[in-house]
Amino acid sequence: MPEITTNNAILRSNSAVAGYFGPQSMTWRLYREPIVIIGGVRALLLQVAHPAVAEGVAHFSNFKKDALGRGFRTFSAMAMIYFGDKNQADAVAQRLWRVHSAIKGPLPERKSKYQATDPALLLWVLATLTETTIQVFEQVPLPGLPADWREQFYEESKVAATLLGIPAKAYPVDLPTFRQYFSEMLHSPLLGSTTTTGEVAQAILQHRFTPTALANLLAAGGLPEPLAQRLGIQVPHNYPVRFARWLKMVRVVYRLVPRWLRYSPAYYQALRRIAQAAGKREPLLGRWYDWLGRTTGIPLGLNAGRKPMGHV
């Protein structure tokens, strides 16, 4: 496992029990909020819009039958990296590397080859999660965030990048550089350029458990129109007005939910782990979610006692 280096003093001071991030990190402050899940459809679509990613999931998984399952496994693995202790985060990262090392093959439509551990592909996948997270919290602002929350969050994303095997030299040095990279990728003709990208995107949008109208609304709100067209995404009628109304409703409802009730299971489980190590009182919800994780595999929890996840 590569050595984790970062300029963030909070991350350097975290213990093996707290993990690579910890309670004071911007990563925990953002990812404990379940509102981040509204960006899930966009992040998945952007990932599979890359021809190599689309080929990989199409040929090395049952993605077309279980598109939402892959999304769940991706987010569950990242929850373990973000909220798990250092041993758990390392174990998940190493497992992902082993799985991805076996995923490689030709790109017939582009007359080239791909390898899932290619730093450029790993960067794109993590970038879709990082940039989408920033966009979600720009649309649904959280009270109390510092002015430089974006920069702090991006600095912390470098830790996840190292864990996932992305060399430091391949990861944009700062947030402005990252945003330039992402914008260039987002508007490049590469994304959505093969038949497979459209097929896999539609497997997400047409899944029997997907609320298709809402998924199209969210997708259309986060993708450039040319890319949406290449992926076969239906832009809803009167989209800007409908999307603005939907966001306003979400902001109102979300702020009415008490913080203690809305925070994610993984966050409370991580707080319980830290409290146990310090000999302090454990949060009741942490104990509850740990039990659910062991018995049911609660979504976005630290289900360390269950069978390891499959491909992501």
Foldseek 3Di string as FASTA:
>chain_A
DDDDDFPDPQQVPDDLLQASAHDPALLQVLQQFPLLCLLLLQLLLQLLLFLLSLVQCVPPHPCLQPVVVQSLLVLLLVLCNSGNGHVSNLVSLVVQCVQQQPGKDARVVVGGIDGSLPLVSLQSSLLSSLVSSVVSCVLQPDPPQDPCSNFRSVSSVVRVSVSNPRDPVNHQPTDVSSVVVVVCSQPDCSGLVDPSSLSSSVSVLVHPPHPNVSSLLSNVVPHDPVNCVSNVRDQDPVNVVVNSVVSVVCNVVSVVDDPVVRGDLSSLLSQQSVCVVVVHDRDPSNVVSQVCLCPPVPGSHNNVNDDDDDHD
